[in-house]
Amino acid sequence: MTNRYETVFILTPVLSEDQAKEAVAKYKSLLKDGGAKIVHQEDWGLRKLAYPIQKKSTGFYHLVEFEAEGSMIHDLELAFRRDERVLRFLTVKMEKHAIAYAESRRNKKQTAEA
C-alpha cells in the first residue's frame, strides 16, 4: 500500500546553483531507487528564512511530492539528517483533500502559464 507524501527541504545558501541541483538529484534518485514514484516537484529557489538557521538567513527551497511505502520515509529522512547541506526538512503524509488541493493548484498554475 503506497501513500502520497510531500517533502520540503532547505539547502544551505553557500551552495552554487549546480551544487543545489546535484543535491536535489541525489534525493530524487534515492526516492526512485527505493521504489517511490515522483508525482511532482517544484524548485522555489533562494528564499529568506523566517529566522536564522546555523547563522544563515536564506536557503534553497525544494518541494517533492511522491508516492511510496511508509518505510521509505525513514530512509529519506536519515539521508537528510546525514547531509550537512540540508538545513531543514519536513515530510508530511497527504490525505485525500490535500492531494485534491495540490492537483487543483498545479492545474491553475499551468493554465495561468499557458
PDB file of N, CA and C in Angstrom:
ATOM      1  N   MET A   1       0.848  -1.189   0.000  1.00  0.00           N
ATOM      2  CA  MET A   1       0.000   0.000   0.000  1.00  0.00           C
ATOM      3  C   MET A   1       0.889   1.247   0.000  1.00  0.00           C
ATOM      4  N   THR A   2       0.812   2.016  -1.055  1.00  0.00           N
ATOM      5  CA  THR A   2       1.607   3.239  -1.121  1.00  0.00           C
ATOM      6  C   THR A   2       0.758   4.427  -0.690  1.00  0.00           C
ATOM      7  N   ASN A   3       1.411   5.383  -0.101  1.00  0.00           N
ATOM      8  CA  ASN A   3       0.786   6.624   0.321  1.00  0.00           C
ATOM      9  C   ASN A   3       1.417   7.770  -0.434  1.00  0.00           C
ATOM     10  N   ARG A   4       0.727   8.889  -0.456  1.00  0.00           N
ATOM     11  CA  ARG A   4       1.255  10.093  -1.109  1.00  0.00           C
ATOM     12  C   ARG A   4       1.889  10.954  -0.017  1.00  0.00           C
ATOM     13  N   TYR A   5       3.109  11.388  -0.272  1.00  0.00           N
ATOM     14  CA  TYR A   5       3.856  12.225   0.663  1.00  0.00           C
ATOM     15  C   TYR A   5       4.326  13.485  -0.042  1.00  0.00           C
ATOM     16  N   GLU A   6       4.594  14.493   0.770  1.00  0.00           N
ATOM     17  CA  GLU A   6       5.143  15.740   0.259  1.00  0.00           C
ATOM     18  C   GLU A   6       6.292  16.114   1.197  1.00  0.00           C
ATOM     19  N   THR A   7       7.443  16.380   0.638  1.00  0.00           N
ATOM     20  CA  THR A   7       8.574  16.782   1.451  1.00  0.00           C
ATOM     21  C   THR A   7       9.137  18.096   0.928  1.00  0.00           C
ATOM     22  N   VAL A   8       9.442  18.983   1.864  1.00  0.00           N
ATOM     23  CA  VAL A   8      10.085  20.254   1.545  1.00  0.00           C
ATOM     24  C   VAL A   8      11.406  20.258   2.293  1.00  0.00           C
ATOM     25  N   PHE A   9      12.481  20.580   1.585  1.00  0.00           N
ATOM     26  CA  PHE A   9      13.762  20.686   2.274  1.00  0.00           C
ATOM     27  C   PHE A   9      14.461  21.964   1.860  1.00  0.00           C
ATOM     28  N   ILE A  10      15.282  22.467   2.790  1.00  0.00           N
ATOM     29  CA  ILE A  10      16.005  23.722   2.581  1.00  0.00           C
ATOM     30  C   ILE A  10      17.485  23.411   2.555  1.00  0.00           C
ATOM     31  N   LEU A  11      18.127  23.788   1.459  1.00  0.00           N
ATOM     32  CA  LEU A  11      19.566  23.588   1.314  1.00  0.00           C
ATOM     33  C   LEU A  11      20.305  24.870   1.694  1.00  0.00           C
ATOM     34  N   THR A  12      21.520  24.722   2.175  1.00  0.00           N
ATOM     35  CA  THR A  12      22.327  25.858   2.604  1.00  0.00           C
ATOM     36  C   THR A  12      22.596  26.813   1.436  1.00  0.00           C
ATOM     37  N   PRO A  13      22.591  28.120   1.685  1.00  0.00           N
ATOM     38  CA  PRO A  13      22.771  29.089   0.599  1.00  0.00           C
ATOM     39  C   PRO A  13      24.203  29.215   0.089  1.00  0.00           C
ATOM     40  N   VAL A  14      25.164  28.582   0.735  1.00  0.00           N
ATOM     41  CA  VAL A  14      26.556  28.680   0.278  1.00  0.00           C
ATOM     42  C   VAL A  14      26.820  27.803  -0.945  1.00  0.00           C
ATOM     43  N   LEU A  15      25.844  26.980  -1.321  1.00  0.00           N
ATOM     44  CA  LEU A  15      25.988  26.124  -2.499  1.00  0.00           C
ATOM     45  C   LEU A  15      25.805  26.948  -3.768  1.00  0.00           C
ATOM     46  N   SER A  16      26.461  26.515  -4.816  1.00  0.00           N
ATOM     47  CA  SER A  16      26.215  27.133  -6.123  1.00  0.00           C
ATOM     48  C   SER A  16      24.924  26.540  -6.675  1.00  0.00           C
ATOM     49  N   GLU A  17      24.411  27.110  -7.743  1.00  0.00           N
ATOM     50  CA  GLU A  17      23.186  26.620  -8.394  1.00  0.00           C
ATOM     51  C   GLU A  17      23.351  25.160  -8.811  1.00  0.00           C
ATOM     52  N   ASP A  18      24.532  24.825  -9.367  1.00  0.00           N
ATOM     53  CA  ASP A  18      24.790  23.450  -9.808  1.00  0.00           C
ATOM     54  C   ASP A  18      24.862  22.482  -8.631  1.00  0.00           C
ATOM     55  N   GLN A  19      25.479  22.908  -7.528  1.00  0.00           N
ATOM     56  CA  GLN A  19      25.570  22.046  -6.348  1.00  0.00           C
ATOM     57  C   GLN A  19      24.182  21.793  -5.757  1.00  0.00           C
ATOM     58  N   ALA A  20      23.325  22.805  -5.763  1.00  0.00           N
ATOM     59  CA  ALA A  20      21.958  22.645  -5.256  1.00  0.00           C
ATOM     60  C   ALA A  20      21.196  21.654  -6.138  1.00  0.00           C
ATOM     61  N   LYS A  21      21.341  21.775  -7.458  1.00  0.00           N
ATOM     62  CA  LYS A  21      20.670  20.856  -8.377  1.00  0.00           C
ATOM     63  C   LYS A  21      21.173  19.430  -8.198  1.00  0.00           C
ATOM     64  N   GLU A  22      22.471  19.289  -7.935  1.00  0.00           N
ATOM     65  CA  GLU A  22      23.053  17.960  -7.720  1.00  0.00           C
ATOM     66  C   GLU A  22      22.485  17.334  -6.449  1.00  0.00           C
ATOM     67  N   ALA A  23      22.297  18.139  -5.392  1.00  0.00           N
ATOM     68  CA  ALA A  23      21.733  17.629  -4.134  1.00  0.00           C
ATOM     69  C   ALA A  23      20.291  17.179  -4.341  1.00  0.00           C
ATOM     70  N   VAL A  24      19.525  17.969  -5.094  1.00  0.00           N
ATOM     71  CA  VAL A  24      18.135  17.601  -5.382  1.00  0.00           C
ATOM     72  C   VAL A  24      18.101  16.307  -6.190  1.00  0.00           C
ATOM     73  N   ALA A  25      18.977  16.181  -7.168  1.00  0.00           N
ATOM     74  CA  ALA A  25      19.036  14.963  -7.984  1.00  0.00           C
ATOM     75  C   ALA A  25      19.378  13.746  -7.126  1.00  0.00           C
ATOM     76  N   LYS A  26      20.224  13.933  -6.130  1.00  0.00           N
ATOM     77  CA  LYS A  26      20.595  12.838  -5.227  1.00  0.00           C
ATOM     78  C   LYS A  26      19.368  12.319  -4.486  1.00  0.00           C
ATOM     79  N   TYR A  27      18.537  13.230  -3.981  1.00  0.00           N
ATOM     80  CA  TYR A  27      17.357  12.802  -3.222  1.00  0.00           C
ATOM     81  C   TYR A  27      16.282  12.224  -4.128  1.00  0.00           C
ATOM     82  N   LYS A  28      16.164  12.738  -5.349  1.00  0.00           N
ATOM     83  CA  LYS A  28      15.212  12.155  -6.292  1.00  0.00           C
ATOM     84  C   LYS A  28      15.626  10.730  -6.651  1.00  0.00           C
ATOM     85  N   SER A  29      16.926  10.503  -6.868  1.00  0.00           N
ATOM     86  CA  SER A  29      17.385   9.154  -7.201  1.00  0.00           C
ATOM     87  C   SER A  29      17.243   8.219  -6.001  1.00  0.00           C
ATOM     88  N   LEU A  30      17.419   8.745  -4.782  1.00  0.00           N
ATOM     89  CA  LEU A  30      17.214   7.939  -3.577  1.00  0.00           C
ATOM     90  C   LEU A  30      15.767   7.469  -3.505  1.00  0.00           C
ATOM     91  N   LEU A  31      14.837   8.368  -3.809  1.00  0.00           N
ATOM     92  CA  LEU A  31      13.423   8.001  -3.811  1.00  0.00           C
ATOM     93  C   LEU A  31      13.119   6.954  -4.886  1.00  0.00           C
ATOM     94  N   LYS A  32      13.616   7.183  -6.092  1.00  0.00           N
ATOM     95  CA  LYS A  32      13.349   6.252  -7.197  1.00  0.00           C
ATOM     96  C   LYS A  32      13.956   4.884  -6.911  1.00  0.00           C
ATOM     97  N   ASP A  33      15.164   4.853  -6.357  1.00  0.00           N
ATOM     98  CA  ASP A  33      15.814   3.581  -6.028  1.00  0.00           C
ATOM     99  C   ASP A  33      15.050   2.830  -4.950  1.00  0.00           C
ATOM    100  N   GLY A  34      14.354   3.569  -4.087  1.00  0.00           N
ATOM    101  CA  GLY A  34      13.558   2.952  -3.026  1.00  0.00           C
ATOM    102  C   GLY A  34      12.174   2.536  -3.481  1.00  0.00           C
ATOM    103  N   GLY A  35      11.879   2.726  -4.760  1.00  0.00           N
ATOM    104  CA  GLY A  35      10.589   2.297  -5.292  1.00  0.00           C
ATOM    105  C   GLY A  35       9.527   3.378  -5.283  1.00  0.00           C
ATOM    106  N   ALA A  36       9.891   4.607  -4.996  1.00  0.00           N
ATOM    107  CA  ALA A  36       8.920   5.696  -4.970  1.00  0.00           C
ATOM    108  C   ALA A  36       8.653   6.216  -6.373  1.00  0.00           C
ATOM    109  N   LYS A  37       7.455   6.746  -6.566  1.00  0.00           N
ATOM    110  CA  LYS A  37       7.087   7.368  -7.841  1.00  0.00           C
ATOM    111  C   LYS A  37       6.945   8.866  -7.586  1.00  0.00           C
ATOM    112  N   ILE A  38       7.775   9.664  -8.234  1.00  0.00           N
ATOM    113  CA  ILE A  38       7.723  11.117  -8.046  1.00  0.00           C
ATOM    114  C   ILE A  38       6.570  11.666  -8.870  1.00  0.00           C
ATOM    115  N   VAL A  39       5.628  12.320  -8.177  1.00  0.00           N
ATOM    116  CA  VAL A  39       4.432  12.850  -8.813  1.00  0.00           C
ATOM    117  C   VAL A  39       4.670  14.265  -9.314  1.00  0.00           C
ATOM    118  N   HIS A  40       5.329  15.075  -8.487  1.00  0.00           N
ATOM    119  CA  HIS A  40       5.525  16.484  -8.829  1.00  0.00           C
ATOM    120  C   HIS A  40       6.717  17.014  -8.047  1.00  0.00           C
ATOM    121  N   GLN A  41       7.371  18.016  -8.620  1.00  0.00           N
ATOM    122  CA  GLN A  41       8.452  18.683  -7.885  1.00  0.00           C
ATOM    123  C   GLN A  41       8.467  20.145  -8.255  1.00  0.00           C
ATOM    124  N   GLU A  42       8.884  20.979  -7.320  1.00  0.00           N
ATOM    125  CA  GLU A  42       8.998  22.412  -7.555  1.00  0.00           C
ATOM    126  C   GLU A  42      10.291  22.916  -6.935  1.00  0.00           C
ATOM    127  N   ASP A  43      10.976  23.758  -7.677  1.00  0.00           N
ATOM    128  CA  ASP A  43      12.159  24.427  -7.164  1.00  0.00           C
ATOM    129  C   ASP A  43      11.743  25.856  -6.831  1.00  0.00           C
ATOM    130  N   TRP A  44      11.702  26.180  -5.548  1.00  0.00           N
ATOM    131  CA  TRP A  44      11.254  27.507  -5.123  1.00  0.00           C
ATOM    132  C   TRP A  44      12.391  28.507  -5.108  1.00  0.00           C
ATOM    133  N   GLY A  45      13.613  28.059  -5.322  1.00  0.00           N
ATOM    134  CA  GLY A  45      14.763  28.954  -5.415  1.00  0.00           C
ATOM    135  C   GLY A  45      15.264  29.441  -4.063  1.00  0.00           C
ATOM    136  N   LEU A  46      16.081  30.481  -4.120  1.00  0.00           N
ATOM    137  CA  LEU A  46      16.686  31.058  -2.913  1.00  0.00           C
ATOM    138  C   LEU A  46      15.672  31.984  -2.252  1.00  0.00           C
ATOM    139  N   ARG A  47      15.332  31.688  -0.995  1.00  0.00           N
ATOM    140  CA  ARG A  47      14.351  32.481  -0.254  1.00  0.00           C
ATOM    141  C   ARG A  47      14.896  32.838   1.119  1.00  0.00           C
ATOM    142  N   LYS A  48      14.318  33.887   1.671  1.00  0.00           N
ATOM    143  CA  LYS A  48      14.693  34.324   3.019  1.00  0.00           C
ATOM    144  C   LYS A  48      14.033  33.411   4.043  1.00  0.00           C
ATOM    145  N   LEU A  49      14.785  33.030   5.057  1.00  0.00           N
ATOM    146  CA  LEU A  49      14.257  32.189   6.122  1.00  0.00           C
ATOM    147  C   LEU A  49      13.496  33.046   7.137  1.00  0.00           C
ATOM    148  N   ALA A  50      12.557  32.450   7.839  1.00  0.00           N
ATOM    149  CA  ALA A  50      11.786  33.170   8.848  1.00  0.00           C
ATOM    150  C   ALA A  50      12.676  33.556  10.032  1.00  0.00           C
ATOM    151  N   TYR A  51      13.671  32.734  10.310  1.00  0.00           N
ATOM    152  CA  TYR A  51      14.634  33.004  11.375  1.00  0.00           C
ATOM    153  C   TYR A  51      15.961  32.369  10.974  1.00  0.00           C
ATOM    154  N   PRO A  52      17.072  32.891  11.488  1.00  0.00           N
ATOM    155  CA  PRO A  52      18.380  32.329  11.092  1.00  0.00           C
ATOM    156  C   PRO A  52      18.543  30.876  11.539  1.00  0.00           C
ATOM    157  N   ILE A  53      19.113  30.076  10.653  1.00  0.00           N
ATOM    158  CA  ILE A  53      19.450  28.685  10.956  1.00  0.00           C
ATOM    159  C   ILE A  53      20.934  28.534  10.665  1.00  0.00           C
ATOM    160  N   GLN A  54      21.698  28.122  11.660  1.00  0.00           N
ATOM    161  CA  GLN A  54      23.160  27.984  11.533  1.00  0.00           C
ATOM    162  C   GLN A  54      23.775  29.279  11.001  1.00  0.00           C
ATOM    163  N   LYS A  55      23.308  30.406  11.513  1.00  0.00           N
ATOM    164  CA  LYS A  55      23.781  31.753  11.161  1.00  0.00           C
ATOM    165  C   LYS A  55      23.564  32.099   9.689  1.00  0.00           C
ATOM    166  N   LYS A  56      22.599  31.438   9.053  1.00  0.00           N
ATOM    167  CA  LYS A  56      22.254  31.735   7.661  1.00  0.00           C
ATOM    168  C   LYS A  56      20.830  32.277   7.608  1.00  0.00           C
ATOM    169  N   SER A  57      20.621  33.284   6.760  1.00  0.00           N
ATOM    170  CA  SER A  57      19.295  33.906   6.697  1.00  0.00           C
ATOM    171  C   SER A  57      18.534  33.556   5.419  1.00  0.00           C
ATOM    172  N   THR A  58      19.153  32.820   4.490  1.00  0.00           N
ATOM    173  CA  THR A  58      18.490  32.387   3.265  1.00  0.00           C
ATOM    174  C   THR A  58      18.772  30.907   3.023  1.00  0.00           C
ATOM    175  N   GLY A  59      18.033  30.323   2.085  1.00  0.00           N
ATOM    176  CA  GLY A  59      18.249  28.926   1.732  1.00  0.00           C
ATOM    177  C   GLY A  59      17.535  28.577   0.446  1.00  0.00           C
ATOM    178  N   PHE A  60      17.993  27.500  -0.215  1.00  0.00           N
ATOM    179  CA  PHE A  60      17.356  26.995  -1.432  1.00  0.00           C
ATOM    180  C   PHE A  60      16.228  26.041  -1.025  1.00  0.00           C
ATOM    181  N   TYR A  61      14.997  26.399  -1.348  1.00  0.00           N
ATOM    182  CA  TYR A  61      13.837  25.582  -1.025  1.00  0.00           C
ATOM    183  C   TYR A  61      13.506  24.662  -2.191  1.00  0.00           C
ATOM    184  N   HIS A  62      13.113  23.436  -1.879  1.00  0.00           N
ATOM    185  CA  HIS A  62      12.693  22.488  -2.915  1.00  0.00           C
ATOM    186  C   HIS A  62      11.579  21.611  -2.363  1.00  0.00           C
ATOM    187  N   LEU A  63      10.540  21.394  -3.176  1.00  0.00           N
ATOM    188  CA  LEU A  63       9.400  20.562  -2.796  1.00  0.00           C
ATOM    189  C   LEU A  63       9.337  19.352  -3.719  1.00  0.00           C
ATOM    190  N   VAL A  64       9.098  18.173  -3.144  1.00  0.00           N
ATOM    191  CA  VAL A  64       8.931  16.953  -3.930  1.00  0.00           C
ATOM    192  C   VAL A  64       7.686  16.244  -3.405  1.00  0.00           C
ATOM    193  N   GLU A  65       6.779  15.918  -4.329  1.00  0.00           N
ATOM    194  CA  GLU A  65       5.581  15.153  -3.990  1.00  0.00           C
ATOM    195  C   GLU A  65       5.757  13.778  -4.603  1.00  0.00           C
ATOM    196  N   PHE A  66       5.554  12.729  -3.799  1.00  0.00           N
ATOM    197  CA  PHE A  66       5.824  11.375  -4.285  1.00  0.00           C
ATOM    198  C   PHE A  66       4.918  10.351  -3.629  1.00  0.00           C
ATOM    199  N   GLU A  67       4.822   9.182  -4.256  1.00  0.00           N
ATOM    200  CA  GLU A  67       4.087   8.040  -3.719  1.00  0.00           C
ATOM    201  C   GLU A  67       5.104   6.972  -3.347  1.00  0.00           C
ATOM    202  N   ALA A  68       4.989   6.481  -2.104  1.00  0.00           N
ATOM    203  CA  ALA A  68       5.961   5.486  -1.646  1.00  0.00           C
ATOM    204  C   ALA A  68       5.392   4.703  -0.468  1.00  0.00           C
ATOM    205  N   GLU A  69       6.092   3.647  -0.123  1.00  0.00           N
ATOM    206  CA  GLU A  69       5.791   2.892   1.090  1.00  0.00           C
ATOM    207  C   GLU A  69       6.200   3.729   2.304  1.00  0.00           C
ATOM    208  N   GLY A  70       5.586   3.477   3.426  1.00  0.00           N
ATOM    209  CA  GLY A  70       5.899   4.227   4.640  1.00  0.00           C
ATOM    210  C   GLY A  70       7.331   4.037   5.110  1.00  0.00           C
ATOM    211  N   SER A  71       7.914   2.866   4.849  1.00  0.00           N
ATOM    212  CA  SER A  71       9.289   2.592   5.277  1.00  0.00           C
ATOM    213  C   SER A  71      10.308   3.454   4.529  1.00  0.00           C
ATOM    214  N   MET A  72       9.936   3.959   3.360  1.00  0.00           N
ATOM    215  CA  MET A  72      10.839   4.794   2.564  1.00  0.00           C
ATOM    216  C   MET A  72      11.119   6.128   3.253  1.00  0.00           C
ATOM    217  N   ILE A  73      10.166   6.613   4.042  1.00  0.00           N
ATOM    218  CA  ILE A  73      10.306   7.911   4.703  1.00  0.00           C
ATOM    219  C   ILE A  73      11.476   7.893   5.679  1.00  0.00           C
ATOM    220  N   HIS A  74      11.640   6.793   6.390  1.00  0.00           N
ATOM    221  CA  HIS A  74      12.757   6.690   7.340  1.00  0.00           C
ATOM    222  C   HIS A  74      14.099   6.823   6.613  1.00  0.00           C
ATOM    223  N   ASP A  75      14.246   6.144   5.495  1.00  0.00           N
ATOM    224  CA  ASP A  75      15.497   6.202   4.732  1.00  0.00           C
ATOM    225  C   ASP A  75      15.761   7.611   4.200  1.00  0.00           C
ATOM    226  N   LEU A  76      14.702   8.264   3.697  1.00  0.00           N
ATOM    227  CA  LEU A  76      14.841   9.616   3.154  1.00  0.00           C
ATOM    228  C   LEU A  76      15.254  10.598   4.249  1.00  0.00           C
ATOM    229  N   GLU A  77      14.571  10.551   5.383  1.00  0.00           N
ATOM    230  CA  GLU A  77      14.880  11.494   6.458  1.00  0.00           C
ATOM    231  C   GLU A  77      16.239  11.213   7.087  1.00  0.00           C
ATOM    232  N   LEU A  78      16.663   9.966   7.103  1.00  0.00           N
ATOM    233  CA  LEU A  78      18.004   9.637   7.588  1.00  0.00           C
ATOM    234  C   LEU A  78      19.059  10.267   6.674  1.00  0.00           C
ATOM    235  N   ALA A  79      18.816  10.212   5.367  1.00  0.00           N
ATOM    236  CA  ALA A  79      19.740  10.833   4.407  1.00  0.00           C
ATOM    237  C   ALA A  79      19.763  12.349   4.597  1.00  0.00           C
ATOM    238  N   PHE A  80      18.597  12.958   4.858  1.00  0.00           N
ATOM    239  CA  PHE A  80      18.541  14.400   5.117  1.00  0.00           C
ATOM    240  C   PHE A  80      19.367  14.764   6.358  1.00  0.00           C
ATOM    241  N   ARG A  81      19.221  13.988   7.422  1.00  0.00           N
ATOM    242  CA  ARG A  81      19.936  14.278   8.677  1.00  0.00           C
ATOM    243  C   ARG A  81      21.452  14.142   8.509  1.00  0.00           C
ATOM    244  N   ARG A  82      21.882  13.219   7.683  1.00  0.00           N
ATOM    245  CA  ARG A  82      23.325  12.987   7.497  1.00  0.00           C
ATOM    246  C   ARG A  82      23.983  13.997   6.567  1.00  0.00           C
ATOM    247  N   ASP A  83      23.187  14.709   5.781  1.00  0.00           N
ATOM    248  CA  ASP A  83      23.726  15.632   4.780  1.00  0.00           C
ATOM    249  C   ASP A  83      23.844  17.031   5.383  1.00  0.00           C
ATOM    250  N   GLU A  84      25.070  17.551   5.448  1.00  0.00           N
ATOM    251  CA  GLU A  84      25.287  18.870   6.040  1.00  0.00           C
ATOM    252  C   GLU A  84      24.776  20.000   5.156  1.00  0.00           C
ATOM    253  N   ARG A  85      24.448  19.698   3.895  1.00  0.00           N
ATOM    254  CA  ARG A  85      23.892  20.726   3.009  1.00  0.00           C
ATOM    255  C   ARG A  85      22.432  21.040   3.315  1.00  0.00           C
ATOM    256  N   VAL A  86      21.741  20.129   4.018  1.00  0.00           N
ATOM    257  CA  VAL A  86      20.322  20.307   4.322  1.00  0.00           C
ATOM    258  C   VAL A  86      20.177  21.022   5.676  1.00  0.00           C
ATOM    259  N   LEU A  87      19.561  22.214   5.631  1.00  0.00           N
ATOM    260  CA  LEU A  87      19.335  22.969   6.864  1.00  0.00           C
ATOM    261  C   LEU A  87      18.114  22.450   7.616  1.00  0.00           C
ATOM    262  N   ARG A  88      17.002  22.272   6.897  1.00  0.00           N
ATOM    263  CA  ARG A  88      15.756  21.789   7.486  1.00  0.00           C
ATOM    264  C   ARG A  88      15.009  20.958   6.458  1.00  0.00           C
ATOM    265  N   PHE A  89      14.122  20.086   6.942  1.00  0.00           N
ATOM    266  CA  PHE A  89      13.255  19.309   6.056  1.00  0.00           C
ATOM    267  C   PHE A  89      11.968  18.987   6.804  1.00  0.00           C
ATOM    268  N   LEU A  90      10.907  18.774   6.043  1.00  0.00           N
ATOM    269  CA  LEU A  90       9.625  18.374   6.605  1.00  0.00           C
ATOM    270  C   LEU A  90       8.931  17.468   5.603  1.00  0.00           C
ATOM    271  N   THR A  91       8.529  16.290   6.062  1.00  0.00           N
ATOM    272  CA  THR A  91       7.810  15.348   5.216  1.00  0.00           C
ATOM    273  C   THR A  91       6.448  15.102   5.837  1.00  0.00           C
ATOM    274  N   VAL A  92       5.397  15.236   5.044  1.00  0.00           N
ATOM    275  CA  VAL A  92       4.042  15.006   5.543  1.00  0.00           C
ATOM    276  C   VAL A  92       3.327  14.009   4.643  1.00  0.00           C
ATOM    277  N   LYS A  93       2.456  13.202   5.252  1.00  0.00           N
ATOM    278  CA  LYS A  93       1.602  12.291   4.510  1.00  0.00           C
ATOM    279  C   LYS A  93       0.381  13.082   4.076  1.00  0.00           C
ATOM    280  N   MET A  94       0.088  13.040   2.792  1.00  0.00           N
ATOM    281  CA  MET A  94      -1.028  13.823   2.262  1.00  0.00           C
ATOM    282  C   MET A  94      -2.305  12.999   2.320  1.00  0.00           C
ATOM    283  N   GLU A  95      -3.354  13.589   2.855  1.00  0.00           N
ATOM    284  CA  GLU A  95      -4.655  12.934   2.844  1.00  0.00           C
ATOM    285  C   GLU A  95      -5.389  13.340   1.574  1.00  0.00           C
ATOM    286  N   LYS A  96      -6.558  12.755   1.324  1.00  0.00           N
ATOM    287  CA  LYS A  96      -7.207  12.934   0.020  1.00  0.00           C
ATOM    288  C   LYS A  96      -7.546  14.385  -0.295  1.00  0.00           C
ATOM    289  N   HIS A  97      -7.895  15.199   0.705  1.00  0.00           N
ATOM    290  CA  HIS A  97      -8.223  16.599   0.447  1.00  0.00           C
ATOM    291  C   HIS A  97      -6.968  17.399   0.079  1.00  0.00           C
ATOM    292  N   ALA A  98      -5.858  17.084   0.709  1.00  0.00           N
ATOM    293  CA  ALA A  98      -4.600  17.763   0.390  1.00  0.00           C
ATOM    294  C   ALA A  98      -4.137  17.397  -1.012  1.00  0.00           C
ATOM    295  N   ILE A  99      -4.326  16.163  -1.409  1.00  0.00           N
ATOM    296  CA  ILE A  99      -3.952  15.726  -2.758  1.00  0.00           C
ATOM    297  C   ILE A  99      -4.792  16.476  -3.791  1.00  0.00           C
ATOM    298  N   ALA A 100      -6.107  16.567  -3.546  1.00  0.00           N
ATOM    299  CA  ALA A 100      -7.001  17.274  -4.469  1.00  0.00           C
ATOM    300  C   ALA A 100      -6.629  18.750  -4.565  1.00  0.00           C
ATOM    301  N   TYR A 101      -6.299  19.354  -3.424  1.00  0.00           N
ATOM    302  CA  TYR A 101      -5.920  20.770  -3.425  1.00  0.00           C
ATOM    303  C   TYR A 101      -4.617  20.984  -4.199  1.00  0.00           C
ATOM    304  N   ALA A 102      -3.629  20.127  -3.977  1.00  0.00           N
ATOM    305  CA  ALA A 102      -2.340  20.263  -4.657  1.00  0.00           C
ATOM    306  C   ALA A 102      -2.509  20.112  -6.167  1.00  0.00           C
ATOM    307  N   GLU A 103      -3.344  19.162  -6.584  1.00  0.00           N
ATOM    308  CA  GLU A 103      -3.556  18.968  -8.017  1.00  0.00           C
ATOM    309  C   GLU A 103      -4.300  20.143  -8.636  1.00  0.00           C
ATOM    310  N   SER A 104      -5.300  20.699  -7.938  1.00  0.00           N
ATOM    311  CA  SER A 104      -6.027  21.852  -8.485  1.00  0.00           C
ATOM    312  C   SER A 104      -5.116  23.084  -8.544  1.00  0.00           C
ATOM    313  N   ARG A 105      -4.233  23.225  -7.560  1.00  0.00           N
ATOM    314  CA  ARG A 105      -3.284  24.342  -7.551  1.00  0.00           C
ATOM    315  C   ARG A 105      -2.319  24.237  -8.736  1.00  0.00           C
ATOM    316  N   ARG A 106      -1.851  23.030  -9.020  1.00  0.00           N
ATOM    317  CA  ARG A 106      -0.962  22.816 -10.175  1.00  0.00           C
ATOM    318  C   ARG A 106      -1.687  23.104 -11.482  1.00  0.00           C
ATOM    319  N   ASN A 107      -2.945  22.669 -11.589  1.00  0.00           N
ATOM    320  CA  ASN A 107      -3.715  22.909 -12.815  1.00  0.00           C
ATOM    321  C   ASN A 107      -3.936  24.399 -13.038  1.00  0.00           C
ATOM    322  N   LYS A 108      -4.220  25.159 -11.958  1.00  0.00           N
ATOM    323  CA  LYS A 108      -4.400  26.593 -12.089  1.00  0.00           C
ATOM    324  C   LYS A 108      -3.102  27.261 -12.530  1.00  0.00           C
ATOM    325  N   LYS A 109      -1.998  26.803 -11.965  1.00  0.00           N
ATOM    326  CA  LYS A 109      -0.691  27.367 -12.309  1.00  0.00           C
ATOM    327  C   LYS A 109      -0.355  27.096 -13.772  1.00  0.00           C
ATOM    328  N   GLN A 110      -0.663  25.885 -14.249  1.00  0.00           N
ATOM    329  CA  GLN A 110      -0.366  25.535 -15.649  1.00  0.00           C
ATOM    330  C   GLN A 110      -1.235  26.332 -16.612  1.00  0.00           C
ATOM    331  N   THR A 111      -2.503  26.553 -16.278  1.00  0.00           N
ATOM    332  CA  THR A 111      -3.372  27.330 -17.169  1.00  0.00           C
ATOM    333  C   THR A 111      -2.990  28.799 -17.160  1.00  0.00           C
ATOM    334  N   ALA A 112      -2.483  29.290 -16.031  1.00  0.00           N
ATOM    335  CA  ALA A 112      -2.046  30.689 -15.957  1.00  0.00           C
ATOM    336  C   ALA A 112      -0.784  30.903 -16.789  1.00  0.00           C
ATOM    337  N   GLU A 113       0.095  29.883 -16.844  1.00  0.00           N
ATOM    338  CA  GLU A 113       1.332  30.000 -17.625  1.00  0.00           C
ATOM    339  C   GLU A 113       1.076  29.880 -19.119  1.00  0.00           C
ATOM    340  N   ALA A 114       0.015  29.176 -19.486  1.00  0.00           N
ATOM    341  CA  ALA A 114      -0.273  28.953 -20.918  1.00  0.00           C
ATOM    342  C   ALA A 114      -0.877  30.159 -21.599  1.00  0.00           C
TER     343      ALA A 114
END
